[in-house]
Amino acid sequence: NKSDEITAGYYFSRDFASGLHVDFGARFDQVKRRGSLTEHEDHGEDHDEDHGDDHDEEAGHDEAAETQQYKLDFSTASFAATLSKPLSDNLELSLGLAQVERTPSAVELFINGPHLAAQRFEVGDVSLEPEQARNVELSLAYERGSVFSKVSLFNNQITDYIYLRDESEAEHDGEHDDDHGGLIKANYLQQNAQFVGYESVSYTHLTLPT
């Protein structure tokens, strides 16, 4: 597999007289993924009726491997902005807005084999589209002396979220032709997703005697 990437970006930061501080960034990517997939096709069963019972044992074992080459091109654009303003000498409120696109990785597109470290037989999908994430984050930060604390609320909605789904036990038990060496088969799929939650962090600096 081969990947070529071209990235262009823009960033600016500005303070306003009202105390508002703005950070803005934009990123544009052009990504080319090159890879191949090898598929095995069974041709034996088509000849049973013509050749009689003498060839029954050979039916289903005549496999032809076909390698398909893929050239996939992606163009993505991402934007992010953060607006922050002090509420007092110790408090600061900030709002983050972002729209980010992510290109499927070469693994997510082309993998078709065992991943022994994860004990899975992973299968990619060359039809995957870039993820599109829209994120809103509201944060309140407190800092006084050596004490710092921050609480954030976020809402992240992702269109075409890429994830790895393990086959169920029933699906695994039904794999009579190929049990993938006893490994769990997992497929890369896409589905819309939403992540809502909060984060908090607090710390202080301590001076230890030497």
N, C-alpha and C. Protein backbone atom coordinates (compact mmCIF):
# COMPACT_ATOMS: atom_id res chain seq x y z
N ASN A 1 0.83 -1.19 0.00
CA ASN A 1 0.00 0.00 0.00
C ASN A 1 0.87 1.25 0.00
N LYS A 2 0.36 2.32 -0.61
CA LYS A 2 1.10 3.57 -0.70
C LYS A 2 0.14 4.72 -0.51
N SER A 3 0.60 5.75 0.22
CA SER A 3 -0.20 6.94 0.45
C SER A 3 0.61 8.19 0.16
N ASP A 4 0.00 9.13 -0.54
CA ASP A 4 0.60 10.44 -0.79
C ASP A 4 -0.34 11.50 -0.25
N GLU A 5 0.20 12.46 0.51
CA GLU A 5 -0.63 13.47 1.13
C GLU A 5 -0.04 14.86 0.90
N ILE A 6 -0.90 15.80 0.56
CA ILE A 6 -0.53 17.21 0.44
C ILE A 6 -1.44 18.00 1.37
N THR A 7 -0.83 18.79 2.27
CA THR A 7 -1.58 19.53 3.27
C THR A 7 -1.24 21.01 3.20
N ALA A 8 -2.26 21.85 3.27
CA ALA A 8 -2.09 23.30 3.36
C ALA A 8 -2.90 23.80 4.54
N GLY A 9 -2.33 24.73 5.30
CA GLY A 9 -3.02 25.21 6.48
C GLY A 9 -2.91 26.72 6.66
N TYR A 10 -3.82 27.25 7.47
CA TYR A 10 -3.82 28.68 7.77
C TYR A 10 -4.24 28.85 9.23
N TYR A 11 -3.55 29.78 9.95
CA TYR A 11 -3.87 30.01 11.36
C TYR A 11 -3.68 31.48 11.70
N PHE A 12 -4.60 32.01 12.52
CA PHE A 12 -4.35 33.34 13.06
C PHE A 12 -4.90 33.43 14.48
N SER A 13 -4.32 34.36 15.25
CA SER A 13 -4.71 34.59 16.64
C SER A 13 -4.80 36.09 16.85
N ARG A 14 -5.89 36.53 17.51
CA ARG A 14 -6.08 37.98 17.65
C ARG A 14 -6.77 38.32 18.98
N ASP A 15 -6.30 39.41 19.58
CA ASP A 15 -6.92 39.95 20.79
C ASP A 15 -7.70 41.21 20.43
N PHE A 16 -8.90 41.35 21.01
CA PHE A 16 -9.73 42.52 20.78
C PHE A 16 -9.78 43.38 22.04
N ALA A 17 -10.15 44.64 21.84
CA ALA A 17 -10.16 45.59 22.96
C ALA A 17 -11.12 45.16 24.06
N SER A 18 -12.17 44.46 23.70
CA SER A 18 -13.15 44.01 24.69
C SER A 18 -12.63 42.90 25.59
N GLY A 19 -11.44 42.41 25.31
CA GLY A 19 -10.89 41.29 26.07
C GLY A 19 -11.10 39.94 25.41
N LEU A 20 -11.86 39.94 24.31
CA LEU A 20 -12.10 38.70 23.58
C LEU A 20 -10.84 38.27 22.82
N HIS A 21 -10.52 37.00 22.92
CA HIS A 21 -9.38 36.44 22.19
C HIS A 21 -9.90 35.38 21.22
N VAL A 22 -9.44 35.44 19.96
CA VAL A 22 -9.91 34.53 18.93
C VAL A 22 -8.73 33.78 18.31
N ASP A 23 -8.86 32.46 18.24
CA ASP A 23 -7.93 31.61 17.50
C ASP A 23 -8.71 30.93 16.39
N PHE A 24 -8.13 30.92 15.20
CA PHE A 24 -8.80 30.28 14.06
C PHE A 24 -7.77 29.52 13.24
N GLY A 25 -8.17 28.32 12.81
CA GLY A 25 -7.29 27.52 11.96
C GLY A 25 -8.08 26.80 10.88
N ALA A 26 -7.45 26.62 9.74
CA ALA A 26 -8.06 25.88 8.63
C ALA A 26 -7.01 24.95 8.04
N ARG A 27 -7.45 23.80 7.57
CA ARG A 27 -6.54 22.81 7.00
C ARG A 27 -7.22 22.15 5.80
N PHE A 28 -6.44 22.02 4.73
CA PHE A 28 -6.93 21.39 3.51
C PHE A 28 -5.99 20.25 3.13
N ASP A 29 -6.56 19.09 2.86
CA ASP A 29 -5.76 17.90 2.57
C ASP A 29 -6.20 17.27 1.25
N GLN A 30 -5.23 16.84 0.49
CA GLN A 30 -5.45 15.98 -0.66
C GLN A 30 -4.67 14.69 -0.43
N VAL A 31 -5.41 13.58 -0.40
CA VAL A 31 -4.81 12.29 -0.03
C VAL A 31 -5.06 11.29 -1.15
N LYS A 32 -4.00 10.58 -1.52
CA LYS A 32 -4.10 9.51 -2.50
C LYS A 32 -3.71 8.21 -1.83
N ARG A 33 -4.61 7.26 -1.85
CA ARG A 33 -4.35 5.92 -1.30
C ARG A 33 -4.25 4.94 -2.47
N ARG A 34 -3.18 4.16 -2.49
CA ARG A 34 -2.98 3.13 -3.50
C ARG A 34 -2.82 1.79 -2.79
N GLY A 35 -3.58 0.80 -3.23
CA GLY A 35 -3.51 -0.51 -2.59
C GLY A 35 -4.16 -1.57 -3.44
N SER A 36 -4.12 -2.81 -2.96
CA SER A 36 -4.71 -3.93 -3.68
C SER A 36 -5.37 -4.88 -2.71
N LEU A 37 -6.36 -5.61 -3.22
CA LEU A 37 -7.05 -6.65 -2.47
C LEU A 37 -7.07 -7.91 -3.31
N THR A 38 -6.84 -9.05 -2.65
CA THR A 38 -6.88 -10.34 -3.33
C THR A 38 -8.08 -11.11 -2.84
N GLU A 39 -8.95 -11.51 -3.79
CA GLU A 39 -10.16 -12.26 -3.46
C GLU A 39 -10.08 -13.63 -4.09
N HIS A 40 -10.56 -14.64 -3.36
CA HIS A 40 -10.57 -16.02 -3.84
C HIS A 40 -11.97 -16.40 -4.27
N GLU A 41 -12.10 -16.91 -5.48
CA GLU A 41 -13.40 -17.31 -6.00
C GLU A 41 -13.41 -18.80 -6.27
N ASP A 42 -14.54 -19.43 -5.98
CA ASP A 42 -14.71 -20.87 -6.14
C ASP A 42 -15.39 -21.14 -7.48
N HIS A 43 -14.71 -21.93 -8.35
CA HIS A 43 -15.26 -22.22 -9.66
C HIS A 43 -15.63 -23.70 -9.84
N GLY A 44 -15.41 -24.53 -8.82
CA GLY A 44 -15.55 -25.98 -8.99
C GLY A 44 -16.97 -26.46 -9.16
N GLU A 45 -17.93 -25.84 -8.43
CA GLU A 45 -19.28 -26.37 -8.39
C GLU A 45 -20.01 -26.20 -9.72
N ASP A 46 -19.55 -25.29 -10.57
CA ASP A 46 -20.26 -25.04 -11.82
C ASP A 46 -20.14 -26.20 -12.80
N HIS A 47 -19.20 -27.17 -12.56
CA HIS A 47 -18.93 -28.22 -13.53
C HIS A 47 -19.44 -29.59 -13.08
N ASP A 48 -20.15 -29.65 -11.95
CA ASP A 48 -20.56 -30.95 -11.42
C ASP A 48 -21.51 -31.68 -12.37
N GLU A 49 -22.50 -30.98 -12.90
CA GLU A 49 -23.52 -31.65 -13.71
C GLU A 49 -22.94 -32.15 -15.02
N ASP A 50 -21.93 -31.50 -15.55
CA ASP A 50 -21.37 -31.88 -16.84
C ASP A 50 -20.42 -33.07 -16.75
N HIS A 51 -19.79 -33.26 -15.57
CA HIS A 51 -18.73 -34.26 -15.47
C HIS A 51 -19.08 -35.43 -14.56
N GLY A 52 -20.25 -35.44 -14.02
CA GLY A 52 -20.67 -36.62 -13.26
C GLY A 52 -20.11 -36.66 -11.87
N ASP A 53 -20.33 -37.87 -11.21
CA ASP A 53 -19.98 -38.01 -9.80
C ASP A 53 -18.49 -38.18 -9.59
N ASP A 54 -17.74 -38.54 -10.65
CA ASP A 54 -16.31 -38.79 -10.45
C ASP A 54 -15.57 -37.56 -9.95
N HIS A 55 -16.13 -36.38 -10.15
CA HIS A 55 -15.43 -35.17 -9.81
C HIS A 55 -16.06 -34.47 -8.60
N ASP A 56 -16.94 -35.16 -7.89
CA ASP A 56 -17.60 -34.53 -6.76
C ASP A 56 -16.60 -34.09 -5.71
N GLU A 57 -15.56 -34.91 -5.47
CA GLU A 57 -14.62 -34.58 -4.41
C GLU A 57 -13.81 -33.35 -4.74
N GLU A 58 -13.70 -33.05 -6.06
CA GLU A 58 -12.91 -31.89 -6.44
C GLU A 58 -13.75 -30.61 -6.44
N ALA A 59 -15.06 -30.76 -6.39
CA ALA A 59 -15.93 -29.60 -6.44
C ALA A 59 -15.69 -28.72 -5.23
N GLY A 60 -15.62 -27.42 -5.46
CA GLY A 60 -15.46 -26.49 -4.36
C GLY A 60 -14.02 -26.25 -3.99
N HIS A 61 -13.04 -26.93 -4.60
CA HIS A 61 -11.65 -26.76 -4.21
C HIS A 61 -10.82 -26.07 -5.28
N ASP A 62 -11.43 -25.77 -6.41
CA ASP A 62 -10.71 -25.08 -7.47
C ASP A 62 -10.88 -23.59 -7.28
N GLU A 63 -9.89 -22.97 -6.66
CA GLU A 63 -9.99 -21.57 -6.32
C GLU A 63 -9.10 -20.75 -7.23
N ALA A 64 -9.59 -19.62 -7.66
CA ALA A 64 -8.80 -18.69 -8.46
C ALA A 64 -8.66 -17.40 -7.68
N ALA A 65 -7.45 -16.93 -7.52
CA ALA A 65 -7.18 -15.70 -6.79
C ALA A 65 -7.14 -14.54 -7.76
N GLU A 66 -7.91 -13.50 -7.49
CA GLU A 66 -7.95 -12.32 -8.34
C GLU A 66 -7.55 -11.11 -7.51
N THR A 67 -6.55 -10.39 -7.99
CA THR A 67 -6.06 -9.20 -7.30
C THR A 67 -6.60 -7.95 -7.98
N GLN A 68 -7.24 -7.11 -7.20
CA GLN A 68 -7.83 -5.87 -7.72
C GLN A 68 -7.01 -4.70 -7.21
N GLN A 69 -6.56 -3.84 -8.11
CA GLN A 69 -5.81 -2.65 -7.75
C GLN A 69 -6.77 -1.47 -7.55
N TYR A 70 -6.48 -0.64 -6.54
CA TYR A 70 -7.34 0.50 -6.25
C TYR A 70 -6.52 1.78 -6.19
N LYS A 71 -7.06 2.84 -6.77
CA LYS A 71 -6.50 4.18 -6.69
C LYS A 71 -7.60 5.11 -6.18
N LEU A 72 -7.48 5.49 -4.93
CA LEU A 72 -8.52 6.27 -4.26
C LEU A 72 -8.00 7.67 -3.94
N ASP A 73 -8.77 8.69 -4.32
CA ASP A 73 -8.39 10.08 -4.08
C ASP A 73 -9.41 10.74 -3.17
N PHE A 74 -8.91 11.46 -2.17
CA PHE A 74 -9.78 12.15 -1.22
C PHE A 74 -9.35 13.61 -1.10
N SER A 75 -10.32 14.50 -0.93
CA SER A 75 -10.06 15.92 -0.64
C SER A 75 -10.89 16.29 0.58
N THR A 76 -10.23 16.82 1.62
CA THR A 76 -10.92 17.17 2.86
C THR A 76 -10.57 18.59 3.29
N ALA A 77 -11.47 19.20 4.04
CA ALA A 77 -11.26 20.54 4.58
C ALA A 77 -11.73 20.56 6.03
N SER A 78 -10.93 21.19 6.90
CA SER A 78 -11.24 21.25 8.33
C SER A 78 -11.07 22.68 8.82
N PHE A 79 -11.97 23.08 9.74
CA PHE A 79 -11.93 24.44 10.29
C PHE A 79 -12.16 24.36 11.80
N ALA A 80 -11.48 25.21 12.55
CA ALA A 80 -11.66 25.25 13.99
C ALA A 80 -11.45 26.66 14.50
N ALA A 81 -12.27 27.07 15.46
CA ALA A 81 -12.15 28.39 16.05
C ALA A 81 -12.42 28.30 17.55
N THR A 82 -11.67 29.09 18.32
CA THR A 82 -11.88 29.17 19.76
C THR A 82 -12.00 30.63 20.16
N LEU A 83 -13.08 30.95 20.87
CA LEU A 83 -13.31 32.30 21.39
C LEU A 83 -13.22 32.23 22.91
N SER A 84 -12.36 33.05 23.50
CA SER A 84 -12.19 33.03 24.95
C SER A 84 -12.20 34.45 25.50
N LYS A 85 -12.72 34.58 26.72
CA LYS A 85 -12.80 35.89 27.35
C LYS A 85 -12.72 35.74 28.86
N PRO A 86 -11.87 36.56 29.51
CA PRO A 86 -11.79 36.51 30.97
C PRO A 86 -13.07 37.05 31.61
N LEU A 87 -13.55 36.35 32.63
CA LEU A 87 -14.69 36.83 33.40
C LEU A 87 -14.25 37.58 34.64
N SER A 88 -13.04 37.27 35.09
CA SER A 88 -12.43 37.94 36.24
C SER A 88 -10.93 37.70 36.16
N ASP A 89 -10.24 38.07 37.21
CA ASP A 89 -8.79 37.84 37.22
C ASP A 89 -8.46 36.36 37.25
N ASN A 90 -9.40 35.54 37.69
CA ASN A 90 -9.10 34.11 37.86
C ASN A 90 -9.94 33.19 36.99
N LEU A 91 -11.00 33.72 36.39
CA LEU A 91 -11.91 32.89 35.60
C LEU A 91 -11.84 33.26 34.12
N GLU A 92 -11.90 32.23 33.26
CA GLU A 92 -11.94 32.46 31.82
C GLU A 92 -12.94 31.51 31.18
N LEU A 93 -13.79 32.04 30.32
CA LEU A 93 -14.79 31.26 29.60
C LEU A 93 -14.36 31.15 28.15
N SER A 94 -14.49 29.95 27.57
CA SER A 94 -14.10 29.76 26.17
C SER A 94 -15.11 28.88 25.46
N LEU A 95 -15.27 29.15 24.15
CA LEU A 95 -16.17 28.39 23.30
C LEU A 95 -15.38 27.91 22.09
N GLY A 96 -15.40 26.61 21.86
CA GLY A 96 -14.70 26.03 20.71
C GLY A 96 -15.69 25.47 19.70
N LEU A 97 -15.47 25.80 18.43
CA LEU A 97 -16.31 25.31 17.34
C LEU A 97 -15.39 24.70 16.29
N ALA A 98 -15.76 23.54 15.79
CA ALA A 98 -14.90 22.87 14.81
C ALA A 98 -15.72 22.02 13.86
N GLN A 99 -15.27 21.98 12.62
CA GLN A 99 -15.77 21.03 11.64
C GLN A 99 -14.55 20.38 11.01
N VAL A 100 -14.41 19.09 11.24
CA VAL A 100 -13.18 18.38 10.87
C VAL A 100 -13.53 17.18 10.01
N GLU A 101 -12.78 17.00 8.92
CA GLU A 101 -12.93 15.83 8.06
C GLU A 101 -11.68 14.96 8.18
N ARG A 102 -11.89 13.66 8.22
CA ARG A 102 -10.78 12.71 8.33
C ARG A 102 -10.86 11.67 7.23
N THR A 103 -9.75 11.49 6.51
CA THR A 103 -9.70 10.51 5.43
C THR A 103 -9.52 9.11 6.00
N PRO A 104 -10.19 8.09 5.46
CA PRO A 104 -9.95 6.71 5.92
C PRO A 104 -8.48 6.35 5.76
N SER A 105 -7.93 5.64 6.73
CA SER A 105 -6.54 5.23 6.67
C SER A 105 -6.37 4.06 5.71
N ALA A 106 -5.12 3.78 5.35
CA ALA A 106 -4.84 2.65 4.45
C ALA A 106 -5.28 1.33 5.09
N VAL A 107 -5.12 1.21 6.41
CA VAL A 107 -5.56 -0.01 7.10
C VAL A 107 -7.06 -0.17 7.00
N GLU A 108 -7.81 0.89 7.27
CA GLU A 108 -9.27 0.81 7.22
C GLU A 108 -9.78 0.48 5.83
N LEU A 109 -9.03 0.87 4.81
CA LEU A 109 -9.44 0.62 3.43
C LEU A 109 -9.04 -0.77 2.93
N PHE A 110 -7.78 -1.16 3.18
CA PHE A 110 -7.20 -2.30 2.46
C PHE A 110 -6.90 -3.54 3.29
N ILE A 111 -6.94 -3.44 4.62
CA ILE A 111 -6.56 -4.62 5.40
C ILE A 111 -7.51 -5.78 5.10
N ASN A 112 -6.95 -6.97 4.99
CA ASN A 112 -7.76 -8.16 4.75
C ASN A 112 -6.96 -9.38 5.23
N GLY A 113 -6.80 -9.46 6.55
CA GLY A 113 -5.99 -10.55 7.08
C GLY A 113 -5.89 -10.47 8.59
N PRO A 114 -5.09 -11.36 9.18
CA PRO A 114 -5.01 -11.44 10.65
C PRO A 114 -4.25 -10.27 11.25
N HIS A 115 -4.78 -9.76 12.35
CA HIS A 115 -4.10 -8.79 13.21
C HIS A 115 -3.86 -9.49 14.53
N LEU A 116 -2.70 -10.15 14.62
CA LEU A 116 -2.46 -11.07 15.73
C LEU A 116 -2.42 -10.36 17.07
N ALA A 117 -1.93 -9.12 17.11
CA ALA A 117 -1.86 -8.41 18.39
C ALA A 117 -3.24 -8.19 18.98
N ALA A 118 -4.25 -8.02 18.11
CA ALA A 118 -5.63 -7.82 18.56
C ALA A 118 -6.45 -9.10 18.53
N GLN A 119 -5.83 -10.21 18.06
CA GLN A 119 -6.53 -11.49 17.95
C GLN A 119 -7.78 -11.37 17.10
N ARG A 120 -7.63 -10.68 15.96
CA ARG A 120 -8.75 -10.48 15.04
C ARG A 120 -8.31 -10.74 13.60
N PHE A 121 -9.26 -11.12 12.78
CA PHE A 121 -9.08 -11.15 11.33
C PHE A 121 -9.83 -9.94 10.80
N GLU A 122 -9.10 -8.88 10.46
CA GLU A 122 -9.71 -7.61 10.14
C GLU A 122 -9.90 -7.45 8.63
N VAL A 123 -11.05 -6.89 8.26
CA VAL A 123 -11.41 -6.71 6.86
C VAL A 123 -11.77 -5.24 6.63
N GLY A 124 -11.05 -4.59 5.72
CA GLY A 124 -11.32 -3.20 5.39
C GLY A 124 -12.42 -3.07 4.36
N ASP A 125 -12.65 -1.83 3.93
CA ASP A 125 -13.70 -1.54 2.96
C ASP A 125 -13.24 -0.38 2.08
N VAL A 126 -13.03 -0.65 0.81
CA VAL A 126 -12.52 0.39 -0.10
C VAL A 126 -13.59 1.43 -0.44
N SER A 127 -14.83 1.23 -0.02
CA SER A 127 -15.89 2.19 -0.30
C SER A 127 -16.09 3.20 0.83
N LEU A 128 -15.23 3.16 1.87
CA LEU A 128 -15.37 4.08 2.99
C LEU A 128 -15.21 5.53 2.52
N GLU A 129 -16.01 6.42 3.12
CA GLU A 129 -15.96 7.85 2.84
C GLU A 129 -15.28 8.57 4.01
N PRO A 130 -14.78 9.79 3.80
CA PRO A 130 -14.19 10.55 4.91
C PRO A 130 -15.21 10.82 6.02
N GLU A 131 -14.74 10.78 7.26
CA GLU A 131 -15.57 11.18 8.39
C GLU A 131 -15.74 12.70 8.38
N GLN A 132 -16.92 13.16 8.84
CA GLN A 132 -17.17 14.59 8.98
C GLN A 132 -17.69 14.83 10.40
N ALA A 133 -16.87 15.52 11.19
CA ALA A 133 -17.20 15.75 12.59
C ALA A 133 -17.49 17.22 12.84
N ARG A 134 -18.55 17.49 13.60
CA ARG A 134 -18.91 18.84 14.02
C ARG A 134 -18.92 18.86 15.55
N ASN A 135 -18.06 19.71 16.10
CA ASN A 135 -17.84 19.68 17.55
C ASN A 135 -18.07 21.06 18.17
N VAL A 136 -18.76 21.08 19.30
CA VAL A 136 -18.95 22.28 20.09
C VAL A 136 -18.47 21.98 21.50
N GLU A 137 -17.62 22.87 22.04
CA GLU A 137 -17.09 22.65 23.39
C GLU A 137 -17.11 23.96 24.17
N LEU A 138 -17.70 23.92 25.36
CA LEU A 138 -17.77 25.08 26.25
C LEU A 138 -16.95 24.78 27.50
N SER A 139 -16.02 25.70 27.83
CA SER A 139 -15.09 25.44 28.94
C SER A 139 -15.05 26.63 29.89
N LEU A 140 -14.87 26.31 31.16
CA LEU A 140 -14.67 27.33 32.20
C LEU A 140 -13.41 26.96 32.96
N ALA A 141 -12.44 27.89 32.96
CA ALA A 141 -11.14 27.62 33.58
C ALA A 141 -10.91 28.57 34.75
N TYR A 142 -10.33 28.02 35.83
CA TYR A 142 -9.99 28.80 37.02
C TYR A 142 -8.50 28.65 37.29
N GLU A 143 -7.84 29.78 37.52
CA GLU A 143 -6.41 29.74 37.82
C GLU A 143 -6.08 30.81 38.86
N ARG A 144 -5.44 30.34 39.91
CA ARG A 144 -5.02 31.28 40.96
C ARG A 144 -3.74 30.73 41.59
N GLY A 145 -2.68 31.48 41.44
CA GLY A 145 -1.41 31.02 41.97
C GLY A 145 -0.98 29.73 41.28
N SER A 146 -0.73 28.70 42.06
CA SER A 146 -0.30 27.42 41.51
C SER A 146 -1.46 26.45 41.30
N VAL A 147 -2.69 26.91 41.49
CA VAL A 147 -3.87 26.05 41.36
C VAL A 147 -4.55 26.32 40.02
N PHE A 148 -4.85 25.25 39.29
CA PHE A 148 -5.55 25.36 38.02
C PHE A 148 -6.64 24.31 37.97
N SER A 149 -7.81 24.71 37.47
CA SER A 149 -8.94 23.78 37.32
C SER A 149 -9.73 24.17 36.08
N LYS A 150 -10.23 23.15 35.35
CA LYS A 150 -10.98 23.41 34.13
C LYS A 150 -12.07 22.36 33.97
N VAL A 151 -13.26 22.83 33.58
CA VAL A 151 -14.40 21.95 33.31
C VAL A 151 -14.89 22.25 31.89
N SER A 152 -15.13 21.18 31.10
CA SER A 152 -15.56 21.35 29.72
C SER A 152 -16.76 20.47 29.43
N LEU A 153 -17.70 21.02 28.68
CA LEU A 153 -18.83 20.27 28.14
C LEU A 153 -18.67 20.20 26.63
N PHE A 154 -18.92 19.02 26.04
CA PHE A 154 -18.74 18.90 24.59
C PHE A 154 -19.86 18.09 23.96
N ASN A 155 -20.09 18.40 22.68
CA ASN A 155 -21.06 17.68 21.85
C ASN A 155 -20.41 17.48 20.49
N ASN A 156 -20.13 16.24 20.16
CA ASN A 156 -19.43 15.92 18.91
C ASN A 156 -20.31 15.01 18.07
N GLN A 157 -20.76 15.50 16.91
CA GLN A 157 -21.59 14.71 15.99
C GLN A 157 -20.75 14.36 14.77
N ILE A 158 -20.68 13.07 14.46
CA ILE A 158 -19.82 12.59 13.39
C ILE A 158 -20.67 11.88 12.34
N THR A 159 -20.57 12.35 11.10
CA THR A 159 -21.21 11.69 9.98
C THR A 159 -20.24 10.69 9.38
N ASP A 160 -20.71 9.47 9.11
CA ASP A 160 -19.88 8.40 8.53
C ASP A 160 -18.71 8.04 9.44
N TYR A 161 -18.98 7.92 10.75
CA TYR A 161 -17.96 7.51 11.71
C TYR A 161 -17.46 6.10 11.37
N ILE A 162 -16.15 5.93 11.30
CA ILE A 162 -15.53 4.64 10.96
C ILE A 162 -15.23 3.87 12.23
N TYR A 163 -15.68 2.63 12.31
CA TYR A 163 -15.44 1.82 13.49
C TYR A 163 -15.25 0.36 13.08
N LEU A 164 -14.71 -0.42 14.00
CA LEU A 164 -14.44 -1.83 13.77
C LEU A 164 -15.47 -2.66 14.53
N ARG A 165 -16.25 -3.47 13.80
CA ARG A 165 -17.30 -4.28 14.44
C ARG A 165 -16.93 -5.75 14.39
N ASP A 166 -16.89 -6.38 15.57
CA ASP A 166 -16.64 -7.82 15.65
C ASP A 166 -17.88 -8.59 15.23
N GLU A 167 -17.66 -9.73 14.59
CA GLU A 167 -18.78 -10.60 14.26
C GLU A 167 -19.37 -11.19 15.54
N SER A 168 -20.65 -11.52 15.52
CA SER A 168 -21.30 -12.12 16.67
C SER A 168 -20.90 -13.58 16.79
N GLU A 169 -21.23 -14.19 17.92
CA GLU A 169 -20.93 -15.62 18.11
C GLU A 169 -21.66 -16.46 17.08
N ALA A 170 -22.90 -16.09 16.77
CA ALA A 170 -23.67 -16.85 15.78
C ALA A 170 -23.01 -16.75 14.42
N GLU A 171 -22.55 -15.56 14.05
CA GLU A 171 -21.87 -15.38 12.77
C GLU A 171 -20.56 -16.16 12.74
N HIS A 172 -19.84 -16.15 13.86
CA HIS A 172 -18.57 -16.87 13.93
C HIS A 172 -18.79 -18.37 13.82
N ASP A 173 -19.82 -18.90 14.50
CA ASP A 173 -20.10 -20.33 14.44
C ASP A 173 -20.57 -20.75 13.07
N GLY A 174 -21.14 -19.83 12.29
CA GLY A 174 -21.65 -20.16 10.97
C GLY A 174 -20.60 -20.14 9.89
N GLU A 175 -19.36 -19.77 10.20
CA GLU A 175 -18.28 -19.73 9.22
C GLU A 175 -17.73 -21.14 9.03
N HIS A 176 -18.37 -21.94 8.15
CA HIS A 176 -17.92 -23.32 7.93
C HIS A 176 -16.75 -23.39 6.97
N ASP A 177 -16.75 -22.52 5.95
CA ASP A 177 -15.70 -22.61 4.94
C ASP A 177 -14.37 -22.09 5.43
N ASP A 178 -14.38 -21.07 6.28
CA ASP A 178 -13.13 -20.47 6.73
C ASP A 178 -13.37 -19.88 8.11
N ASP A 179 -12.70 -20.45 9.10
CA ASP A 179 -12.88 -19.92 10.46
C ASP A 179 -11.83 -18.88 10.78
N HIS A 180 -11.06 -18.43 9.77
CA HIS A 180 -10.06 -17.38 9.93
C HIS A 180 -9.03 -17.74 11.00
N GLY A 181 -8.67 -19.02 11.05
CA GLY A 181 -7.65 -19.45 11.98
C GLY A 181 -8.04 -19.33 13.43
N GLY A 182 -9.32 -19.35 13.71
CA GLY A 182 -9.80 -19.22 15.09
C GLY A 182 -9.88 -17.78 15.56
N LEU A 183 -9.51 -16.82 14.72
CA LEU A 183 -9.57 -15.42 15.09
C LEU A 183 -10.99 -14.87 14.88
N ILE A 184 -11.31 -13.83 15.64
CA ILE A 184 -12.59 -13.16 15.48
C ILE A 184 -12.54 -12.29 14.24
N LYS A 185 -13.52 -12.45 13.36
CA LYS A 185 -13.58 -11.60 12.18
C LYS A 185 -14.19 -10.25 12.55
N ALA A 186 -13.55 -9.18 12.08
CA ALA A 186 -14.02 -7.82 12.37
C ALA A 186 -13.98 -7.00 11.09
N ASN A 187 -15.04 -6.27 10.84
CA ASN A 187 -15.16 -5.46 9.63
C ASN A 187 -15.16 -3.98 9.96
N TYR A 188 -14.48 -3.20 9.11
CA TYR A 188 -14.55 -1.75 9.22
C TYR A 188 -15.84 -1.27 8.54
N LEU A 189 -16.66 -0.54 9.31
CA LEU A 189 -17.96 -0.06 8.84
C LEU A 189 -18.09 1.43 9.11
N GLN A 190 -19.17 2.03 8.61
CA GLN A 190 -19.46 3.43 8.86
C GLN A 190 -20.89 3.61 9.35
N GLN A 191 -21.04 4.54 10.28
CA GLN A 191 -22.37 4.86 10.80
C GLN A 191 -22.30 6.22 11.50
N ASN A 192 -23.36 6.97 11.44
CA ASN A 192 -23.39 8.25 12.14
C ASN A 192 -23.30 8.03 13.65
N ALA A 193 -22.59 8.93 14.33
CA ALA A 193 -22.38 8.77 15.77
C ALA A 193 -22.42 10.13 16.46
N GLN A 194 -22.72 10.11 17.74
CA GLN A 194 -22.72 11.33 18.55
C GLN A 194 -22.06 11.04 19.89
N PHE A 195 -21.14 11.92 20.28
CA PHE A 195 -20.46 11.81 21.57
C PHE A 195 -20.76 13.07 22.37
N VAL A 196 -21.39 12.88 23.51
CA VAL A 196 -21.74 13.99 24.40
C VAL A 196 -21.17 13.69 25.77
N GLY A 197 -20.54 14.68 26.38
CA GLY A 197 -19.98 14.40 27.69
C GLY A 197 -19.30 15.62 28.29
N TYR A 198 -18.49 15.38 29.32
CA TYR A 198 -17.78 16.46 29.99
C TYR A 198 -16.39 15.97 30.39
N GLU A 199 -15.51 16.90 30.60
CA GLU A 199 -14.16 16.61 31.06
C GLU A 199 -13.80 17.61 32.15
N SER A 200 -13.01 17.18 33.10
CA SER A 200 -12.55 18.08 34.14
C SER A 200 -11.10 17.74 34.50
N VAL A 201 -10.34 18.77 34.82
CA VAL A 201 -8.95 18.56 35.19
C VAL A 201 -8.58 19.60 36.25
N SER A 202 -7.79 19.18 37.21
CA SER A 202 -7.32 20.07 38.27
C SER A 202 -5.89 19.68 38.63
N TYR A 203 -5.08 20.68 38.89
CA TYR A 203 -3.72 20.37 39.33
C TYR A 203 -3.14 21.57 40.06
N THR A 204 -2.06 21.32 40.76
CA THR A 204 -1.34 22.36 41.45
C THR A 204 0.14 22.06 41.42
N HIS A 205 0.96 23.06 41.63
CA HIS A 205 2.41 22.88 41.65
C HIS A 205 2.85 22.79 43.11
N LEU A 206 3.66 21.81 43.39
CA LEU A 206 4.20 21.63 44.74
C LEU A 206 5.71 21.81 44.70
N THR A 207 6.21 22.49 45.69
CA THR A 207 7.66 22.65 45.83
C THR A 207 8.15 21.71 46.92
N LEU A 208 8.94 20.75 46.53
CA LEU A 208 9.44 19.76 47.46
C LEU A 208 10.82 20.17 47.98
N PRO A 209 11.08 19.90 49.25
CA PRO A 209 12.41 20.24 49.79
C PRO A 209 13.50 19.39 49.12
N THR A 210 14.64 19.99 48.91
CA THR A 210 15.76 19.26 48.30
C THR A 210 16.85 19.00 49.32
